């Protein structure tokens, strides 16, 4: 039982230390969040462009005369 208690204590202390680090420099994590949002936005725009091009090409193919 003491090993479990020691591990829990170490984990809690590590979490407290990490919280202190983040509260002292909160902007460091914000840069990562901005990169994630920009990447997701770029992927969404690329998907929309691909869908628009696919729709246009499919429509043009339908207009071709068949032999």
C-alpha atoms as a PDB file:
ATOM      1  CA  UNK A   1       0.000   0.000   0.000  1.00  0.00           C
ATOM      2  CA  UNK A   2       2.872   2.392   0.647  1.00  0.00           C
ATOM      3  CA  UNK A   3       4.176   2.031  -2.900  1.00  0.00           C
ATOM      4  CA  UNK A   4       0.811   3.093  -4.291  1.00  0.00           C
ATOM      5  CA  UNK A   5       0.705   6.040  -1.896  1.00  0.00           C
ATOM      6  CA  UNK A   6       4.227   7.065  -2.875  1.00  0.00           C
ATOM      7  CA  UNK A   7       3.408   6.862  -6.582  1.00  0.00           C
ATOM      8  CA  UNK A   8       0.251   8.912  -6.125  1.00  0.00           C
ATOM      9  CA  UNK A   9       2.188  11.503  -4.129  1.00  0.00           C
ATOM     10  CA  UNK A  10       4.890  11.713  -6.818  1.00  0.00           C
ATOM     11  CA  UNK A  11       2.245  12.043  -9.546  1.00  0.00           C
ATOM     12  CA  UNK A  12       0.421  14.801  -7.659  1.00  0.00           C
ATOM     13  CA  UNK A  13       3.655  16.703  -7.048  1.00  0.00           C
ATOM     14  CA  UNK A  14       4.608  16.380 -10.719  1.00  0.00           C
ATOM     15  CA  UNK A  15       1.194  17.703 -11.756  1.00  0.00           C
ATOM     16  CA  UNK A  16       1.527  20.624  -9.336  1.00  0.00           C
ATOM     17  CA  UNK A  17       4.961  21.440 -10.751  1.00  0.00           C
ATOM     18  CA  UNK A  18       3.670  21.315 -14.311  1.00  0.00           C
ATOM     19  CA  UNK A  19       0.727  23.557 -13.344  1.00  0.00           C
ATOM     20  CA  UNK A  20       3.134  26.085 -11.823  1.00  0.00           C
ATOM     21  CA  UNK A  21       5.231  26.075 -15.012  1.00  0.00           C
ATOM     22  CA  UNK A  22       2.184  26.646 -17.199  1.00  0.00           C
ATOM     23  CA  UNK A  23       0.763  29.368 -14.992  1.00  0.00           C
ATOM     24  CA  UNK A  24       4.065  31.264 -15.121  1.00  0.00           C
ATOM     25  CA  UNK A  25       4.282  31.141 -18.940  1.00  0.00           C
ATOM     26  CA  UNK A  26       0.759  30.639 -20.348  1.00  0.00           C
ATOM     27  CA  UNK A  27       1.640  31.908 -23.834  1.00  0.00           C
ATOM     28  CA  UNK A  28       3.836  28.907 -24.671  1.00  0.00           C
ATOM     29  CA  UNK A  29       0.860  26.573 -25.047  1.00  0.00           C
ATOM     30  CA  UNK A  30      -1.107  29.182 -27.000  1.00  0.00           C
ATOM     31  CA  UNK A  31       1.309  29.027 -29.927  1.00  0.00           C
ATOM     32  CA  UNK A  32       0.657  25.306 -30.308  1.00  0.00           C
ATOM     33  CA  UNK A  33      -3.107  25.857 -30.205  1.00  0.00           C
ATOM     34  CA  UNK A  34      -2.815  28.537 -32.885  1.00  0.00           C
ATOM     35  CA  UNK A  35      -0.833  26.173 -35.100  1.00  0.00           C
ATOM     36  CA  UNK A  36      -3.437  23.449 -34.642  1.00  0.00           C
ATOM     37  CA  UNK A  37      -6.317  25.786 -35.530  1.00  0.00           C
ATOM     38  CA  UNK A  38      -4.473  27.135 -38.577  1.00  0.00           C
ATOM     39  CA  UNK A  39      -3.675  23.619 -39.774  1.00  0.00           C
ATOM     40  CA  UNK A  40      -7.264  22.462 -39.324  1.00  0.00           C
ATOM     41  CA  UNK A  41      -8.482  25.568 -41.159  1.00  0.00           C
ATOM     42  CA  UNK A  42      -6.092  24.915 -44.039  1.00  0.00           C
ATOM     43  CA  UNK A  43      -7.284  21.314 -44.290  1.00  0.00           C
ATOM     44  CA  UNK A  44     -10.921  22.450 -44.357  1.00  0.00           C
ATOM     45  CA  UNK A  45     -10.174  25.002 -47.090  1.00  0.00           C
ATOM     46  CA  UNK A  46      -8.280  22.399 -49.114  1.00  0.00           C
ATOM     47  CA  UNK A  47     -11.182  19.948 -48.800  1.00  0.00           C
ATOM     48  CA  UNK A  48     -13.627  22.636 -49.953  1.00  0.00           C
ATOM     49  CA  UNK A  49     -11.418  23.475 -52.943  1.00  0.00           C
ATOM     50  CA  UNK A  50     -11.100  19.807 -53.893  1.00  0.00           C
ATOM     51  CA  UNK A  51     -14.879  19.359 -53.616  1.00  0.00           C
ATOM     52  CA  UNK A  52     -15.504  22.435 -55.799  1.00  0.00           C
ATOM     53  CA  UNK A  53     -13.031  21.299 -58.458  1.00  0.00           C
ATOM     54  CA  UNK A  54     -14.449  17.767 -58.438  1.00  0.00           C
ATOM     55  CA  UNK A  55     -17.991  19.100 -58.842  1.00  0.00           C
ATOM     56  CA  UNK A  56     -16.946  21.379 -61.698  1.00  0.00           C
ATOM     57  CA  UNK A  57     -15.041  18.653 -63.538  1.00  0.00           C
ATOM     58  CA  UNK A  58     -17.881  16.167 -63.094  1.00  0.00           C
ATOM     59  CA  UNK A  59     -20.318  18.710 -64.526  1.00  0.00           C
ATOM     60  CA  UNK A  60     -18.052  19.378 -67.488  1.00  0.00           C
ATOM     61  CA  UNK A  61     -17.632  15.666 -68.171  1.00  0.00           C
ATOM     62  CA  UNK A  62     -21.412  15.313 -68.236  1.00  0.00           C
ATOM     63  CA  UNK A  63     -21.562  17.953 -70.985  1.00  0.00           C
ATOM     64  CA  UNK A  64     -19.213  16.049 -73.312  1.00  0.00           C
ATOM     65  CA  UNK A  65     -20.958  14.441 -76.264  1.00  0.00           C
ATOM     66  CA  UNK A  66     -21.122  10.682 -76.110  1.00  0.00           C
ATOM     67  CA  UNK A  67     -20.109   8.592 -79.115  1.00  0.00           C
END
